Amino acid sequence: MANHASADKRNRQSERRRLHNKYYAKTTRNAIRALRNSENKATAEADAPKVYAMIDKLAKIGVIHKNKAANLKSGLALYINKLA
């Protein structure tokens, strides 16, 4: 229970931001999963820039750390390069 109006407002803002971040994080995870499940190199290479942009945006707005974003992008690049 909040003791101040400002605390109530902070709780509302936090909840709204949490749901916003959760949506974008889940959407990006689904895009990464789809890219990792693709077995065609051409389609994976075509989809990669969109997924990289999504990961970069998450890092920019602070949902994930910039090093985690770099690790995710590196892992995806390795996967795409290994496709025949």
Protein backbone atom coordinates (compact mmCIF):
# COMPACT_ATOMS: atom_id res chain seq x y z
CA MET A 1 0.00 0.00 0.00
CA ALA A 2 1.48 3.30 -1.11
CA ASN A 3 1.71 6.11 1.43
CA HIS A 4 2.02 8.92 -1.12
CA ALA A 5 0.39 9.86 -4.38
CA SER A 6 3.81 9.90 -6.01
CA ALA A 7 4.33 6.28 -4.91
CA ASP A 8 1.01 5.32 -6.50
CA LYS A 9 2.06 7.01 -9.71
CA ARG A 10 5.45 5.27 -9.64
CA ASN A 11 3.70 1.90 -9.23
CA ARG A 12 1.45 2.63 -12.21
CA GLN A 13 4.41 3.68 -14.34
CA SER A 14 6.45 0.65 -13.32
CA GLU A 15 3.63 -1.75 -14.17
CA ARG A 16 3.04 -0.10 -17.54
CA ARG A 17 6.75 -0.22 -18.39
CA ARG A 18 7.04 -3.82 -17.18
CA LEU A 19 4.27 -4.92 -19.54
CA HIS A 20 5.81 -2.91 -22.40
CA ASN A 21 9.25 -4.45 -21.84
CA LYS A 22 7.76 -7.92 -21.44
CA TYR A 23 5.98 -7.62 -24.80
CA TYR A 24 9.07 -6.53 -26.71
CA ALA A 25 11.30 -9.10 -25.00
CA LYS A 26 8.88 -11.93 -25.79
CA THR A 27 8.48 -10.79 -29.40
CA THR A 28 12.25 -10.72 -29.82
CA ARG A 29 12.65 -14.15 -28.21
CA ASN A 30 10.09 -15.56 -30.64
CA ALA A 31 11.94 -13.99 -33.59
CA ILE A 32 15.24 -15.48 -32.36
CA ARG A 33 13.60 -18.87 -31.95
CA ALA A 34 12.17 -18.71 -35.48
CA LEU A 35 15.57 -17.76 -36.89
CA ARG A 36 17.28 -20.62 -35.04
CA ASN A 37 14.66 -23.08 -36.30
CA SER A 38 15.09 -22.05 -39.93
CA GLU A 39 17.06 -24.55 -41.97
CA ASN A 40 17.37 -22.50 -45.16
CA LYS A 41 20.42 -20.25 -45.20
CA ALA A 42 18.91 -17.74 -47.63
CA THR A 43 15.84 -17.09 -45.50
CA ALA A 44 17.93 -16.97 -42.33
CA GLU A 45 20.24 -14.37 -43.88
CA ALA A 46 17.23 -12.36 -45.04
CA ASP A 47 15.61 -12.39 -41.57
CA ALA A 48 18.82 -11.74 -39.63
CA PRO A 49 18.94 -7.91 -39.99
CA LYS A 50 15.40 -7.59 -38.61
CA VAL A 51 16.22 -9.77 -35.62
CA TYR A 52 19.50 -7.92 -35.02
CA ALA A 53 17.58 -4.64 -35.03
CA MET A 54 15.12 -6.01 -32.46
CA ILE A 55 17.98 -7.14 -30.22
CA ASP A 56 19.72 -3.77 -30.56
CA LYS A 57 16.52 -1.96 -29.61
CA LEU A 58 16.14 -4.07 -26.46
CA ALA A 59 19.70 -3.20 -25.47
CA LYS A 60 19.18 0.48 -26.27
CA ILE A 61 16.10 0.84 -24.07
CA GLY A 62 17.68 -1.18 -21.27
CA VAL A 63 15.59 -4.36 -21.34
CA ILE A 64 18.73 -6.46 -21.85
CA HIS A 65 22.38 -5.62 -21.30
CA LYS A 66 24.48 -4.58 -24.29
CA ASN A 67 26.84 -7.53 -23.77
CA LYS A 68 23.92 -9.96 -23.81
CA ALA A 69 22.77 -8.38 -27.06
CA ALA A 70 26.24 -8.83 -28.53
CA ASN A 71 26.33 -12.47 -27.39
CA LEU A 72 22.91 -13.17 -28.91
CA LYS A 73 23.87 -11.59 -32.23
CA SER A 74 27.18 -13.45 -32.28
CA GLY A 75 25.46 -16.78 -31.63
CA LEU A 76 22.94 -16.15 -34.38
CA ALA A 77 25.71 -15.23 -36.82
CA LEU A 78 27.55 -18.45 -35.99
CA TYR A 79 24.38 -20.45 -36.54
CA ILE A 80 23.69 -18.79 -39.90
CA ASN A 81 27.26 -19.34 -41.06
CA LYS A 82 27.07 -23.06 -40.21
CA LEU A 83 23.95 -23.58 -42.34
CA ALA A 84 24.63 -25.35 -45.60
